[in-house]
């Protein structure tokens, strides 16, 4: 199950994609650049969240093995 960082990161990616396309369609280079930056930020945040989730799963699995 996704965590907060993964969800927020995906949201930033989508928002950035919309800004990027709006900037392309309106020939607004600044809006396009903001969108591209927001997409990259979202990708990083989503990746961080995925690493946190995977680490938590490993810790949980290890804890179950120890508890046996």
PDB file of N, CA and C in Angstrom:
ATOM      1  N   UNK A   1       0.839  -1.178   0.000  1.00  0.00           N
ATOM      2  CA  UNK A   1       0.000   0.000   0.000  1.00  0.00           C
ATOM      3  C   UNK A   1       0.892   1.252   0.000  1.00  0.00           C
ATOM      4  N   UNK A   2       0.529   2.203  -0.815  1.00  0.00           N
ATOM      5  CA  UNK A   2       1.319   3.426  -0.929  1.00  0.00           C
ATOM      6  C   UNK A   2       1.281   4.228   0.361  1.00  0.00           C
ATOM      7  N   UNK A   3       2.376   4.963   0.611  1.00  0.00           N
ATOM      8  CA  UNK A   3       2.411   5.836   1.781  1.00  0.00           C
ATOM      9  C   UNK A   3       2.207   7.289   1.344  1.00  0.00           C
ATOM     10  N   UNK A   4       2.224   8.175   2.315  1.00  0.00           N
ATOM     11  CA  UNK A   4       1.957   9.599   2.082  1.00  0.00           C
ATOM     12  C   UNK A   4       2.883  10.198   1.020  1.00  0.00           C
ATOM     13  N   UNK A   5       4.179   9.894   1.093  1.00  0.00           N
ATOM     14  CA  UNK A   5       5.127  10.471   0.138  1.00  0.00           C
ATOM     15  C   UNK A   5       4.873   9.975  -1.281  1.00  0.00           C
ATOM     16  N   UNK A   6       4.524   8.717  -1.415  1.00  0.00           N
ATOM     17  CA  UNK A   6       4.238   8.192  -2.750  1.00  0.00           C
ATOM     18  C   UNK A   6       3.003   8.858  -3.347  1.00  0.00           C
ATOM     19  N   UNK A   7       1.982   9.033  -2.542  1.00  0.00           N
ATOM     20  CA  UNK A   7       0.741   9.655  -3.029  1.00  0.00           C
ATOM     21  C   UNK A   7       0.965  11.117  -3.375  1.00  0.00           C
ATOM     22  N   UNK A   8       1.613  11.859  -2.467  1.00  0.00           N
ATOM     23  CA  UNK A   8       1.876  13.283  -2.735  1.00  0.00           C
ATOM     24  C   UNK A   8       2.803  13.450  -3.931  1.00  0.00           C
ATOM     25  N   UNK A   9       3.797  12.577  -4.052  1.00  0.00           N
ATOM     26  CA  UNK A   9       4.715  12.641  -5.185  1.00  0.00           C
ATOM     27  C   UNK A   9       4.003  12.426  -6.507  1.00  0.00           C
ATOM     28  N   UNK A  10       3.105  11.457  -6.532  1.00  0.00           N
ATOM     29  CA  UNK A  10       2.335  11.201  -7.757  1.00  0.00           C
ATOM     30  C   UNK A  10       1.460  12.405  -8.086  1.00  0.00           C
ATOM     31  N   UNK A  11       0.874  13.019  -7.051  1.00  0.00           N
ATOM     32  CA  UNK A  11       0.066  14.221  -7.267  1.00  0.00           C
ATOM     33  C   UNK A  11       0.881  15.362  -7.862  1.00  0.00           C
ATOM     34  N   UNK A  12       2.101  15.553  -7.365  1.00  0.00           N
ATOM     35  CA  UNK A  12       2.974  16.602  -7.899  1.00  0.00           C
ATOM     36  C   UNK A  12       3.342  16.316  -9.351  1.00  0.00           C
ATOM     37  N   UNK A  13       3.581  15.041  -9.648  1.00  0.00           N
ATOM     38  CA  UNK A  13       3.903  14.672 -11.030  1.00  0.00           C
ATOM     39  C   UNK A  13       2.759  15.032 -11.973  1.00  0.00           C
ATOM     40  N   UNK A  14       1.541  14.716 -11.571  1.00  0.00           N
ATOM     41  CA  UNK A  14       0.369  15.003 -12.407  1.00  0.00           C
ATOM     42  C   UNK A  14       0.187  16.511 -12.559  1.00  0.00           C
ATOM     43  N   UNK A  15       0.275  17.230 -11.447  1.00  0.00           N
ATOM     44  CA  UNK A  15       0.133  18.689 -11.481  1.00  0.00           C
ATOM     45  C   UNK A  15       1.207  19.309 -12.376  1.00  0.00           C
ATOM     46  N   UNK A  16       2.431  18.798 -12.267  1.00  0.00           N
ATOM     47  CA  UNK A  16       3.519  19.298 -13.095  1.00  0.00           C
ATOM     48  C   UNK A  16       3.298  19.021 -14.569  1.00  0.00           C
ATOM     49  N   UNK A  17       2.758  17.858 -14.869  1.00  0.00           N
ATOM     50  CA  UNK A  17       2.478  17.499 -16.270  1.00  0.00           C
ATOM     51  C   UNK A  17       1.449  18.453 -16.867  1.00  0.00           C
ATOM     52  N   UNK A  18       0.425  18.788 -16.069  1.00  0.00           N
ATOM     53  CA  UNK A  18      -0.602  19.727 -16.535  1.00  0.00           C
ATOM     54  C   UNK A  18       0.015  21.099 -16.797  1.00  0.00           C
ATOM     55  N   UNK A  19       0.853  21.576 -15.852  1.00  0.00           N
ATOM     56  CA  UNK A  19       1.521  22.876 -16.042  1.00  0.00           C
ATOM     57  C   UNK A  19       2.421  22.854 -17.274  1.00  0.00           C
ATOM     58  N   UNK A  20       3.156  21.769 -17.441  1.00  0.00           N
ATOM     59  CA  UNK A  20       4.063  21.627 -18.574  1.00  0.00           C
ATOM     60  C   UNK A  20       3.295  21.740 -19.894  1.00  0.00           C
ATOM     61  N   UNK A  21       2.209  20.983 -20.004  1.00  0.00           N
ATOM     62  CA  UNK A  21       1.414  21.002 -21.238  1.00  0.00           C
ATOM     63  C   UNK A  21       0.750  22.354 -21.449  1.00  0.00           C
ATOM     64  N   UNK A  22       0.249  22.954 -20.362  1.00  0.00           N
ATOM     65  CA  UNK A  22      -0.367  24.279 -20.483  1.00  0.00           C
ATOM     66  C   UNK A  22       0.663  25.298 -20.961  1.00  0.00           C
ATOM     67  N   UNK A  23       1.873  25.188 -20.457  1.00  0.00           N
ATOM     68  CA  UNK A  23       2.947  26.076 -20.900  1.00  0.00           C
ATOM     69  C   UNK A  23       3.296  25.871 -22.359  1.00  0.00           C
ATOM     70  N   UNK A  24       3.315  24.600 -22.796  1.00  0.00           N
ATOM     71  CA  UNK A  24       3.581  24.311 -24.213  1.00  0.00           C
ATOM     72  C   UNK A  24       2.488  24.903 -25.100  1.00  0.00           C
ATOM     73  N   UNK A  25       1.226  24.672 -24.730  1.00  0.00           N
ATOM     74  CA  UNK A  25       0.108  25.132 -25.553  1.00  0.00           C
ATOM     75  C   UNK A  25       0.012  26.646 -25.610  1.00  0.00           C
ATOM     76  N   UNK A  26       0.403  27.317 -24.520  1.00  0.00           N
ATOM     77  CA  UNK A  26       0.293  28.781 -24.481  1.00  0.00           C
ATOM     78  C   UNK A  26       1.616  29.472 -24.804  1.00  0.00           C
ATOM     79  N   UNK A  27       2.638  28.696 -25.144  1.00  0.00           N
ATOM     80  CA  UNK A  27       3.974  29.225 -25.428  1.00  0.00           C
ATOM     81  C   UNK A  27       4.541  29.996 -24.233  1.00  0.00           C
ATOM     82  N   UNK A  28       4.199  29.553 -23.042  1.00  0.00           N
ATOM     83  CA  UNK A  28       4.682  30.171 -21.815  1.00  0.00           C
ATOM     84  C   UNK A  28       5.834  29.313 -21.289  1.00  0.00           C
ATOM     85  N   UNK A  29       7.062  29.730 -21.601  1.00  0.00           N
ATOM     86  CA  UNK A  29       8.239  28.939 -21.250  1.00  0.00           C
ATOM     87  C   UNK A  29       8.412  28.801 -19.731  1.00  0.00           C
ATOM     88  N   UNK A  30       8.053  29.835 -18.986  1.00  0.00           N
ATOM     89  CA  UNK A  30       8.207  29.786 -17.535  1.00  0.00           C
ATOM     90  C   UNK A  30       7.259  28.742 -16.930  1.00  0.00           C
ATOM     91  N   UNK A  31       6.010  28.736 -17.372  1.00  0.00           N
ATOM     92  CA  UNK A  31       5.044  27.754 -16.870  1.00  0.00           C
ATOM     93  C   UNK A  31       5.481  26.338 -17.243  1.00  0.00           C
ATOM     94  N   UNK A  32       5.993  26.189 -18.440  1.00  0.00           N
ATOM     95  CA  UNK A  32       6.487  24.895 -18.897  1.00  0.00           C
ATOM     96  C   UNK A  32       7.650  24.420 -18.018  1.00  0.00           C
ATOM     97  N   UNK A  33       8.576  25.317 -17.711  1.00  0.00           N
ATOM     98  CA  UNK A  33       9.725  24.974 -16.860  1.00  0.00           C
ATOM     99  C   UNK A  33       9.274  24.635 -15.436  1.00  0.00           C
ATOM    100  N   UNK A  34       8.304  25.386 -14.912  1.00  0.00           N
ATOM    101  CA  UNK A  34       7.769  25.089 -13.583  1.00  0.00           C
ATOM    102  C   UNK A  34       7.154  23.685 -13.563  1.00  0.00           C
ATOM    103  N   UNK A  35       6.439  23.363 -14.611  1.00  0.00           N
ATOM    104  CA  UNK A  35       5.811  22.047 -14.702  1.00  0.00           C
ATOM    105  C   UNK A  35       6.836  20.928 -14.742  1.00  0.00           C
ATOM    106  N   UNK A  36       7.890  21.127 -15.510  1.00  0.00           N
ATOM    107  CA  UNK A  36       8.944  20.115 -15.601  1.00  0.00           C
ATOM    108  C   UNK A  36       9.641  19.933 -14.248  1.00  0.00           C
ATOM    109  N   UNK A  37       9.887  21.047 -13.558  1.00  0.00           N
ATOM    110  CA  UNK A  37      10.522  20.972 -12.235  1.00  0.00           C
ATOM    111  C   UNK A  37       9.609  20.272 -11.237  1.00  0.00           C
ATOM    112  N   UNK A  38       8.323  20.567 -11.303  1.00  0.00           N
ATOM    113  CA  UNK A  38       7.382  19.943 -10.375  1.00  0.00           C
ATOM    114  C   UNK A  38       7.263  18.437 -10.640  1.00  0.00           C
ATOM    115  N   UNK A  39       7.331  18.060 -11.902  1.00  0.00           N
ATOM    116  CA  UNK A  39       7.311  16.634 -12.229  1.00  0.00           C
ATOM    117  C   UNK A  39       8.531  15.923 -11.645  1.00  0.00           C
ATOM    118  N   UNK A  40       9.690  16.543 -11.774  1.00  0.00           N
ATOM    119  CA  UNK A  40      10.918  15.948 -11.233  1.00  0.00           C
ATOM    120  C   UNK A  40      10.846  15.855  -9.712  1.00  0.00           C
ATOM    121  N   UNK A  41      10.346  16.894  -9.068  1.00  0.00           N
ATOM    122  CA  UNK A  41      10.200  16.881  -7.613  1.00  0.00           C
ATOM    123  C   UNK A  41       9.248  15.765  -7.177  1.00  0.00           C
ATOM    124  N   UNK A  42       8.161  15.620  -7.912  1.00  0.00           N
ATOM    125  CA  UNK A  42       7.201  14.569  -7.601  1.00  0.00           C
ATOM    126  C   UNK A  42       7.790  13.182  -7.757  1.00  0.00           C
ATOM    127  N   UNK A  43       8.587  13.003  -8.803  1.00  0.00           N
ATOM    128  CA  UNK A  43       9.234  11.710  -9.032  1.00  0.00           C
ATOM    129  C   UNK A  43      10.189  11.373  -7.891  1.00  0.00           C
ATOM    130  N   UNK A  44      10.951  12.368  -7.431  1.00  0.00           N
ATOM    131  CA  UNK A  44      11.858  12.144  -6.298  1.00  0.00           C
ATOM    132  C   UNK A  44      11.097  11.804  -5.025  1.00  0.00           C
ATOM    133  N   UNK A  45      10.033  12.540  -4.754  1.00  0.00           N
ATOM    134  CA  UNK A  45       9.255  12.292  -3.545  1.00  0.00           C
ATOM    135  C   UNK A  45       8.609  10.915  -3.595  1.00  0.00           C
ATOM    136  N   UNK A  46       8.094  10.551  -4.760  1.00  0.00           N
ATOM    137  CA  UNK A  46       7.477   9.228  -4.909  1.00  0.00           C
ATOM    138  C   UNK A  46       8.523   8.131  -4.704  1.00  0.00           C
ATOM    139  N   UNK A  47       9.720   8.324  -5.260  1.00  0.00           N
ATOM    140  CA  UNK A  47      10.795   7.351  -5.091  1.00  0.00           C
ATOM    141  C   UNK A  47      11.223   7.214  -3.646  1.00  0.00           C
ATOM    142  N   UNK A  48      11.314   8.332  -2.946  1.00  0.00           N
ATOM    143  CA  UNK A  48      11.650   8.320  -1.520  1.00  0.00           C
ATOM    144  C   UNK A  48      10.604   7.533  -0.743  1.00  0.00           C
ATOM    145  N   UNK A  49       9.350   7.770  -1.068  1.00  0.00           N
ATOM    146  CA  UNK A  49       8.274   7.059  -0.392  1.00  0.00           C
ATOM    147  C   UNK A  49       8.327   5.563  -0.648  1.00  0.00           C
ATOM    148  N   UNK A  50       8.684   5.200  -1.866  1.00  0.00           N
ATOM    149  CA  UNK A  50       8.785   3.775  -2.206  1.00  0.00           C
ATOM    150  C   UNK A  50       9.905   3.114  -1.400  1.00  0.00           C
ATOM    151  N   UNK A  51      11.029   3.807  -1.271  1.00  0.00           N
ATOM    152  CA  UNK A  51      12.147   3.271  -0.488  1.00  0.00           C
ATOM    153  C   UNK A  51      11.722   3.102   0.973  1.00  0.00           C
ATOM    154  N   UNK A  52      11.032   4.104   1.525  1.00  0.00           N
ATOM    155  CA  UNK A  52      10.546   4.007   2.905  1.00  0.00           C
ATOM    156  C   UNK A  52       9.611   2.824   3.079  1.00  0.00           C
ATOM    157  N   UNK A  53       8.697   2.642   2.117  1.00  0.00           N
ATOM    158  CA  UNK A  53       7.732   1.540   2.204  1.00  0.00           C
ATOM    159  C   UNK A  53       8.442   0.194   2.157  1.00  0.00           C
ATOM    160  N   UNK A  54       9.383   0.053   1.226  1.00  0.00           N
ATOM    161  CA  UNK A  54      10.118  -1.211   1.091  1.00  0.00           C
ATOM    162  C   UNK A  54      10.932  -1.502   2.357  1.00  0.00           C
ATOM    163  N   UNK A  55      11.555  -0.475   2.921  1.00  0.00           N
ATOM    164  CA  UNK A  55      12.324  -0.667   4.152  1.00  0.00           C
ATOM    165  C   UNK A  55      11.402  -1.109   5.286  1.00  0.00           C
ATOM    166  N   UNK A  56      10.239  -0.509   5.366  1.00  0.00           N
ATOM    167  CA  UNK A  56       9.269  -0.887   6.386  1.00  0.00           C
ATOM    168  C   UNK A  56       8.809  -2.326   6.227  1.00  0.00           C
ATOM    169  N   UNK A  57       8.628  -2.752   4.965  1.00  0.00           N
ATOM    170  CA  UNK A  57       8.220  -4.134   4.711  1.00  0.00           C
ATOM    171  C   UNK A  57       9.307  -5.113   5.157  1.00  0.00           C
ATOM    172  N   UNK A  58      10.564  -4.773   4.893  1.00  0.00           N
ATOM    173  CA  UNK A  58      11.679  -5.634   5.304  1.00  0.00           C
ATOM    174  C   UNK A  58      11.742  -5.723   6.826  1.00  0.00           C
ATOM    175  N   UNK A  59      11.595  -4.590   7.501  1.00  0.00           N
ATOM    176  CA  UNK A  59      11.629  -4.575   8.966  1.00  0.00           C
ATOM    177  C   UNK A  59      10.476  -5.402   9.530  1.00  0.00           C
ATOM    178  N   UNK A  60       9.308  -5.238   8.940  1.00  0.00           N
ATOM    179  CA  UNK A  60       8.138  -5.987   9.397  1.00  0.00           C
ATOM    180  C   UNK A  60       8.340  -7.494   9.212  1.00  0.00           C
ATOM    181  N   UNK A  61       8.850  -7.874   8.050  1.00  0.00           N
ATOM    182  CA  UNK A  61       9.092  -9.289   7.759  1.00  0.00           C
ATOM    183  C   UNK A  61      10.135  -9.860   8.726  1.00  0.00           C
ATOM    184  N   UNK A  62      11.179  -9.105   8.981  1.00  0.00           N
ATOM    185  CA  UNK A  62      12.222  -9.541   9.909  1.00  0.00           C
ATOM    186  C   UNK A  62      11.654  -9.697  11.315  1.00  0.00           C
ATOM    187  N   UNK A  63      10.819  -8.768  11.717  1.00  0.00           N
ATOM    188  CA  UNK A  63      10.192  -8.844  13.038  1.00  0.00           C
ATOM    189  C   UNK A  63       9.332 -10.089  13.186  1.00  0.00           C
ATOM    190  N   UNK A  64       8.607 -10.441  12.133  1.00  0.00           N
ATOM    191  CA  UNK A  64       7.773 -11.647  12.182  1.00  0.00           C
ATOM    192  C   UNK A  64       8.645 -12.904  12.318  1.00  0.00           C
ATOM    193  N   UNK A  65       9.780 -12.925  11.627  1.00  0.00           N
ATOM    194  CA  UNK A  65      10.684 -14.081  11.707  1.00  0.00           C
ATOM    195  C   UNK A  65      11.286 -14.199  13.100  1.00  0.00           C
ATOM    196  N   UNK A  66      11.637 -13.071  13.692  1.00  0.00           N
ATOM    197  CA  UNK A  66      12.221 -13.079  15.036  1.00  0.00           C
ATOM    198  C   UNK A  66      11.196 -13.534  16.060  1.00  0.00           C
ATOM    199  N   UNK A  67       9.943 -13.145  15.867  1.00  0.00           N
ATOM    200  CA  UNK A  67       8.879 -13.464  16.822  1.00  0.00           C
ATOM    201  C   UNK A  67       8.528 -14.953  16.849  1.00  0.00           C
ATOM    202  N   UNK A  68       8.938 -15.693  15.851  1.00  0.00           N
ATOM    203  CA  UNK A  68       8.588 -17.120  15.799  1.00  0.00           C
ATOM    204  C   UNK A  68       9.278 -17.881  16.824  1.00  0.00           C
TER     205      UNK A  68
END
